[in-house]
Amino acid sequence: MSELVVTIVIVVALIGSAIVTSRLAWETVLGAGIWMVLVGLVAGVPAGFWYHVRLYRSLAGGLPTRWWWRPTGLHSRLGTAERRRVMPWFYLGAAGFLLTMGGCVLIAIGVIRSR
């Protein structure tokens, strides 16, 4: 049931964002995209870096080589206390990434509509 709710929310968000971006001036869409990218990078990059530092400190013994390429596979090794210290940074970094990608989409829409 929860998958259905998530699907409906995503579809409504996609349709709603298409309607909103078509009604706004291209300058507004472009400006909103630039701000979204800026905020996403300012929040997401330091949070992602700090997530990797915290994960490394929590799992210092026995990390595989190049662990930073797929760190999410290591989350199962975290204890409850370690998870509370590491995972908020993971979620903040992921939110920053999504905000940055959404901003890139808005920038592309603004540029295309400017022509």
N, C-alpha and C. Protein backbone atom coordinates (compact mmCIF):
# COMPACT_ATOMS: atom_id res chain seq x y z
N MET A 1 0.81 -1.20 0.00
CA MET A 1 0.00 0.00 0.00
C MET A 1 0.86 1.26 0.00
N SER A 2 1.96 1.24 0.77
CA SER A 2 2.80 2.43 0.83
C SER A 2 3.47 2.71 -0.52
N GLU A 3 3.75 1.65 -1.30
CA GLU A 3 4.34 1.86 -2.62
C GLU A 3 3.37 2.61 -3.53
N LEU A 4 2.08 2.31 -3.39
CA LEU A 4 1.07 3.00 -4.18
C LEU A 4 1.02 4.48 -3.82
N VAL A 5 1.10 4.79 -2.54
CA VAL A 5 1.09 6.19 -2.10
C VAL A 5 2.31 6.93 -2.64
N VAL A 6 3.48 6.30 -2.56
CA VAL A 6 4.70 6.92 -3.08
C VAL A 6 4.57 7.16 -4.58
N THR A 7 4.04 6.20 -5.30
CA THR A 7 3.85 6.35 -6.75
C THR A 7 2.90 7.49 -7.06
N ILE A 8 1.82 7.58 -6.34
CA ILE A 8 0.85 8.66 -6.58
C ILE A 8 1.48 10.02 -6.26
N VAL A 9 2.23 10.11 -5.19
CA VAL A 9 2.90 11.37 -4.83
C VAL A 9 3.89 11.79 -5.92
N ILE A 10 4.65 10.83 -6.45
CA ILE A 10 5.62 11.15 -7.50
C ILE A 10 4.91 11.62 -8.77
N VAL A 11 3.85 10.93 -9.16
CA VAL A 11 3.11 11.32 -10.37
C VAL A 11 2.50 12.71 -10.21
N VAL A 12 1.89 12.97 -9.06
CA VAL A 12 1.31 14.29 -8.81
C VAL A 12 2.40 15.36 -8.81
N ALA A 13 3.55 15.08 -8.22
CA ALA A 13 4.65 16.05 -8.21
C ALA A 13 5.15 16.34 -9.62
N LEU A 14 5.28 15.31 -10.44
CA LEU A 14 5.74 15.51 -11.81
C LEU A 14 4.75 16.33 -12.62
N ILE A 15 3.48 16.00 -12.51
CA ILE A 15 2.46 16.76 -13.25
C ILE A 15 2.38 18.19 -12.72
N GLY A 16 2.40 18.33 -11.40
CA GLY A 16 2.35 19.67 -10.81
C GLY A 16 3.53 20.53 -11.19
N SER A 17 4.73 19.94 -11.18
CA SER A 17 5.91 20.72 -11.55
C SER A 17 5.89 21.11 -13.02
N ALA A 18 5.35 20.24 -13.87
CA ALA A 18 5.23 20.59 -15.30
C ALA A 18 4.27 21.75 -15.49
N ILE A 19 3.17 21.74 -14.77
CA ILE A 19 2.20 22.83 -14.87
C ILE A 19 2.80 24.14 -14.35
N VAL A 20 3.46 24.07 -13.20
CA VAL A 20 4.04 25.28 -12.61
C VAL A 20 5.13 25.87 -13.50
N THR A 21 6.04 25.03 -13.99
CA THR A 21 7.13 25.57 -14.82
C THR A 21 6.63 26.09 -16.16
N SER A 22 5.51 25.59 -16.65
CA SER A 22 4.99 26.12 -17.91
C SER A 22 4.28 27.46 -17.71
N ARG A 23 3.82 27.73 -16.51
CA ARG A 23 3.11 28.98 -16.23
C ARG A 23 4.04 30.12 -15.82
N LEU A 24 5.21 29.80 -15.30
CA LEU A 24 6.15 30.83 -14.85
C LEU A 24 6.99 31.35 -16.02
N ALA A 25 7.50 32.55 -15.86
CA ALA A 25 8.41 33.11 -16.87
C ALA A 25 9.71 32.32 -16.86
N TRP A 26 10.36 32.23 -18.00
CA TRP A 26 11.58 31.43 -18.08
C TRP A 26 12.67 31.97 -17.16
N GLU A 27 12.70 33.30 -16.95
CA GLU A 27 13.70 33.89 -16.06
C GLU A 27 13.51 33.39 -14.62
N THR A 28 12.26 33.25 -14.22
CA THR A 28 11.96 32.76 -12.87
C THR A 28 12.39 31.31 -12.71
N VAL A 29 12.09 30.50 -13.72
CA VAL A 29 12.46 29.09 -13.67
C VAL A 29 13.99 28.95 -13.64
N LEU A 30 14.67 29.71 -14.47
CA LEU A 30 16.13 29.68 -14.51
C LEU A 30 16.73 30.13 -13.18
N GLY A 31 16.22 31.23 -12.64
CA GLY A 31 16.71 31.73 -11.37
C GLY A 31 16.47 30.75 -10.23
N ALA A 32 15.29 30.13 -10.21
CA ALA A 32 15.00 29.14 -9.17
C ALA A 32 15.95 27.94 -9.29
N GLY A 33 16.24 27.55 -10.52
CA GLY A 33 17.18 26.44 -10.74
C GLY A 33 18.57 26.76 -10.25
N ILE A 34 19.03 27.97 -10.53
CA ILE A 34 20.36 28.38 -10.08
C ILE A 34 20.43 28.38 -8.54
N TRP A 35 19.40 28.91 -7.90
CA TRP A 35 19.38 28.91 -6.43
C TRP A 35 19.31 27.50 -5.86
N MET A 36 18.54 26.63 -6.50
CA MET A 36 18.46 25.24 -6.02
C MET A 36 19.82 24.54 -6.12
N VAL A 37 20.51 24.75 -7.23
CA VAL A 37 21.85 24.15 -7.38
C VAL A 37 22.79 24.70 -6.32
N LEU A 38 22.77 26.00 -6.12
CA LEU A 38 23.64 26.62 -5.13
C LEU A 38 23.38 26.08 -3.72
N VAL A 39 22.13 26.05 -3.31
CA VAL A 39 21.79 25.55 -1.98
C VAL A 39 22.11 24.06 -1.86
N GLY A 40 21.81 23.30 -2.90
CA GLY A 40 22.09 21.87 -2.88
C GLY A 40 23.57 21.57 -2.75
N LEU A 41 24.41 22.32 -3.45
CA LEU A 41 25.85 22.10 -3.36
C LEU A 41 26.41 22.57 -2.02
N VAL A 42 25.95 23.72 -1.55
CA VAL A 42 26.46 24.24 -0.28
C VAL A 42 26.08 23.32 0.88
N ALA A 43 24.91 22.72 0.82
CA ALA A 43 24.48 21.80 1.90
C ALA A 43 24.99 20.38 1.67
N GLY A 44 24.94 19.91 0.43
CA GLY A 44 25.20 18.51 0.15
C GLY A 44 26.66 18.10 0.12
N VAL A 45 27.52 18.93 -0.42
CA VAL A 45 28.93 18.54 -0.54
C VAL A 45 29.60 18.42 0.83
N PRO A 46 29.49 19.42 1.70
CA PRO A 46 30.10 19.22 3.03
C PRO A 46 29.45 18.08 3.81
N ALA A 47 28.14 17.92 3.69
CA ALA A 47 27.47 16.83 4.39
C ALA A 47 27.94 15.47 3.87
N GLY A 48 28.10 15.35 2.57
CA GLY A 48 28.61 14.11 1.99
C GLY A 48 30.03 13.81 2.43
N PHE A 49 30.84 14.84 2.48
CA PHE A 49 32.21 14.66 2.96
C PHE A 49 32.22 14.20 4.41
N TRP A 50 31.42 14.89 5.24
CA TRP A 50 31.39 14.55 6.65
C TRP A 50 30.80 13.15 6.86
N TYR A 51 29.85 12.74 6.03
CA TYR A 51 29.31 11.38 6.10
C TYR A 51 30.42 10.36 5.89
N HIS A 52 31.24 10.57 4.88
CA HIS A 52 32.34 9.64 4.60
C HIS A 52 33.34 9.61 5.76
N VAL A 53 33.64 10.76 6.34
CA VAL A 53 34.54 10.82 7.49
C VAL A 53 33.96 10.04 8.65
N ARG A 54 32.69 10.29 8.96
CA ARG A 54 32.04 9.59 10.08
C ARG A 54 31.97 8.09 9.84
N LEU A 55 31.65 7.68 8.62
CA LEU A 55 31.58 6.26 8.31
C LEU A 55 32.95 5.61 8.44
N TYR A 56 33.98 6.29 7.96
CA TYR A 56 35.34 5.77 8.08
C TYR A 56 35.74 5.60 9.55
N ARG A 57 35.44 6.61 10.35
CA ARG A 57 35.79 6.54 11.77
C ARG A 57 35.02 5.44 12.49
N SER A 58 33.78 5.23 12.09
CA SER A 58 32.97 4.19 12.73
C SER A 58 33.40 2.79 12.34
N LEU A 59 33.90 2.63 11.12
CA LEU A 59 34.26 1.31 10.61
C LEU A 59 35.74 1.23 10.26
N ALA A 60 36.58 1.87 11.03
CA ALA A 60 38.00 1.98 10.69
C ALA A 60 38.67 0.63 10.47
N GLY A 61 38.25 -0.39 11.17
CA GLY A 61 38.88 -1.69 10.99
C GLY A 61 38.20 -2.51 9.90
N GLY A 62 38.97 -2.99 8.97
CA GLY A 62 38.45 -3.92 7.97
C GLY A 62 37.64 -3.32 6.84
N LEU A 63 37.97 -2.12 6.44
CA LEU A 63 37.27 -1.55 5.30
C LEU A 63 37.85 -2.11 4.00
N PRO A 64 37.01 -2.43 3.04
CA PRO A 64 37.54 -2.92 1.77
C PRO A 64 38.22 -1.79 1.00
N THR A 65 39.04 -2.16 0.03
CA THR A 65 39.67 -1.13 -0.80
C THR A 65 38.59 -0.40 -1.60
N ARG A 66 38.81 0.85 -1.81
CA ARG A 66 37.88 1.72 -2.54
C ARG A 66 36.47 1.66 -1.97
N TRP A 67 36.37 1.63 -0.67
CA TRP A 67 35.09 1.55 0.00
C TRP A 67 34.21 2.77 -0.26
N TRP A 68 34.81 3.89 -0.58
CA TRP A 68 34.08 5.14 -0.77
C TRP A 68 33.23 5.14 -2.04
N TRP A 69 33.48 4.21 -2.97
CA TRP A 69 32.68 4.15 -4.18
C TRP A 69 31.28 3.60 -3.92
N ARG A 70 31.15 2.68 -2.97
CA ARG A 70 29.85 2.10 -2.62
C ARG A 70 29.73 1.99 -1.10
N PRO A 71 29.65 3.11 -0.42
CA PRO A 71 29.64 3.06 1.05
C PRO A 71 28.32 2.56 1.62
N THR A 72 27.24 2.61 0.87
CA THR A 72 25.95 2.21 1.42
C THR A 72 25.92 0.72 1.77
N GLY A 73 26.74 -0.08 1.14
CA GLY A 73 26.82 -1.49 1.48
C GLY A 73 27.41 -1.74 2.85
N LEU A 74 28.05 -0.73 3.41
CA LEU A 74 28.66 -0.85 4.73
C LEU A 74 27.72 -0.44 5.87
N HIS A 75 26.55 0.07 5.53
CA HIS A 75 25.62 0.53 6.57
C HIS A 75 25.18 -0.59 7.50
N SER A 76 25.14 -1.80 7.00
CA SER A 76 24.70 -2.92 7.84
C SER A 76 25.71 -3.22 8.95
N ARG A 77 26.94 -2.78 8.80
CA ARG A 77 27.96 -2.99 9.83
C ARG A 77 27.86 -2.01 10.99
N LEU A 78 27.07 -0.97 10.82
CA LEU A 78 26.97 0.07 11.86
C LEU A 78 26.08 -0.40 13.01
N GLY A 79 26.52 -0.11 14.21
CA GLY A 79 25.70 -0.36 15.39
C GLY A 79 24.68 0.76 15.55
N THR A 80 23.83 0.64 16.54
CA THR A 80 22.77 1.63 16.75
C THR A 80 23.34 3.02 17.03
N ALA A 81 24.31 3.10 17.92
CA ALA A 81 24.90 4.41 18.26
C ALA A 81 25.66 4.99 17.07
N GLU A 82 26.39 4.13 16.35
CA GLU A 82 27.12 4.61 15.17
C GLU A 82 26.16 5.08 14.08
N ARG A 83 25.07 4.36 13.92
CA ARG A 83 24.08 4.72 12.91
C ARG A 83 23.50 6.12 13.19
N ARG A 84 23.28 6.43 14.46
CA ARG A 84 22.75 7.75 14.81
C ARG A 84 23.74 8.86 14.49
N ARG A 85 25.03 8.55 14.51
CA ARG A 85 26.04 9.57 14.20
C ARG A 85 26.30 9.70 12.70
N VAL A 86 26.13 8.62 11.96
CA VAL A 86 26.50 8.61 10.55
C VAL A 86 25.34 8.95 9.62
N MET A 87 24.19 8.35 9.85
CA MET A 87 23.10 8.42 8.88
C MET A 87 22.50 9.81 8.65
N PRO A 88 22.42 10.70 9.67
CA PRO A 88 21.91 12.04 9.35
C PRO A 88 22.73 12.75 8.27
N TRP A 89 24.04 12.55 8.29
CA TRP A 89 24.90 13.16 7.27
C TRP A 89 24.65 12.54 5.90
N PHE A 90 24.37 11.24 5.89
CA PHE A 90 24.03 10.55 4.64
C PHE A 90 22.76 11.14 4.04
N TYR A 91 21.73 11.30 4.87
CA TYR A 91 20.45 11.82 4.38
C TYR A 91 20.57 13.28 3.94
N LEU A 92 21.33 14.07 4.67
CA LEU A 92 21.51 15.47 4.28
C LEU A 92 22.28 15.57 2.96
N GLY A 93 23.31 14.75 2.80
CA GLY A 93 24.05 14.74 1.54
C GLY A 93 23.18 14.29 0.37
N ALA A 94 22.34 13.28 0.60
CA ALA A 94 21.44 12.81 -0.45
C ALA A 94 20.41 13.88 -0.81
N ALA A 95 19.89 14.58 0.19
CA ALA A 95 18.94 15.65 -0.08
C ALA A 95 19.61 16.79 -0.87
N GLY A 96 20.85 17.10 -0.52
CA GLY A 96 21.58 18.11 -1.28
C GLY A 96 21.79 17.70 -2.72
N PHE A 97 22.09 16.42 -2.93
CA PHE A 97 22.26 15.91 -4.29
C PHE A 97 20.96 16.02 -5.08
N LEU A 98 19.85 15.60 -4.47
CA LEU A 98 18.56 15.68 -5.17
C LEU A 98 18.18 17.13 -5.47
N LEU A 99 18.45 18.02 -4.54
CA LEU A 99 18.17 19.44 -4.77
C LEU A 99 19.02 19.97 -5.92
N THR A 100 20.27 19.58 -5.97
CA THR A 100 21.15 20.00 -7.06
C THR A 100 20.66 19.48 -8.41
N MET A 101 20.27 18.21 -8.45
CA MET A 101 19.77 17.64 -9.71
C MET A 101 18.46 18.29 -10.15
N GLY A 102 17.58 18.56 -9.19
CA GLY A 102 16.34 19.26 -9.52
C GLY A 102 16.62 20.66 -10.05
N GLY A 103 17.60 21.33 -9.46
CA GLY A 103 17.99 22.64 -9.96
C GLY A 103 18.55 22.59 -11.37
N CYS A 104 19.31 21.55 -11.66
CA CYS A 104 19.84 21.38 -13.02
C CYS A 104 18.71 21.20 -14.03
N VAL A 105 17.70 20.46 -13.64
CA VAL A 105 16.54 20.28 -14.52
C VAL A 105 15.84 21.61 -14.75
N LEU A 106 15.66 22.40 -13.69
CA LEU A 106 15.03 23.71 -13.85
C LEU A 106 15.87 24.64 -14.71
N ILE A 107 17.18 24.59 -14.56
CA ILE A 107 18.05 25.40 -15.41
C ILE A 107 17.88 25.00 -16.87
N ALA A 108 17.85 23.72 -17.14
CA ALA A 108 17.66 23.24 -18.52
C ALA A 108 16.31 23.70 -19.06
N ILE A 109 15.27 23.60 -18.26
CA ILE A 109 13.95 24.06 -18.71
C ILE A 109 13.97 25.55 -18.99
N GLY A 110 14.58 26.33 -18.10
CA GLY A 110 14.66 27.77 -18.30
C GLY A 110 15.43 28.15 -19.56
N VAL A 111 16.53 27.44 -19.81
CA VAL A 111 17.33 27.73 -21.01
C VAL A 111 16.55 27.36 -22.27
N ILE A 112 15.92 26.22 -22.27
CA ILE A 112 15.15 25.80 -23.45
C ILE A 112 13.99 26.77 -23.70
N ARG A 113 13.32 27.18 -22.64
CA ARG A 113 12.18 28.09 -22.81
C ARG A 113 12.60 29.51 -23.20
N SER A 114 13.87 29.86 -23.00
CA SER A 114 14.33 31.21 -23.32
C SER A 114 14.49 31.42 -24.83
N ARG A 115 14.51 30.35 -25.57
CA ARG A 115 14.74 30.46 -27.03
C ARG A 115 13.52 30.83 -27.78
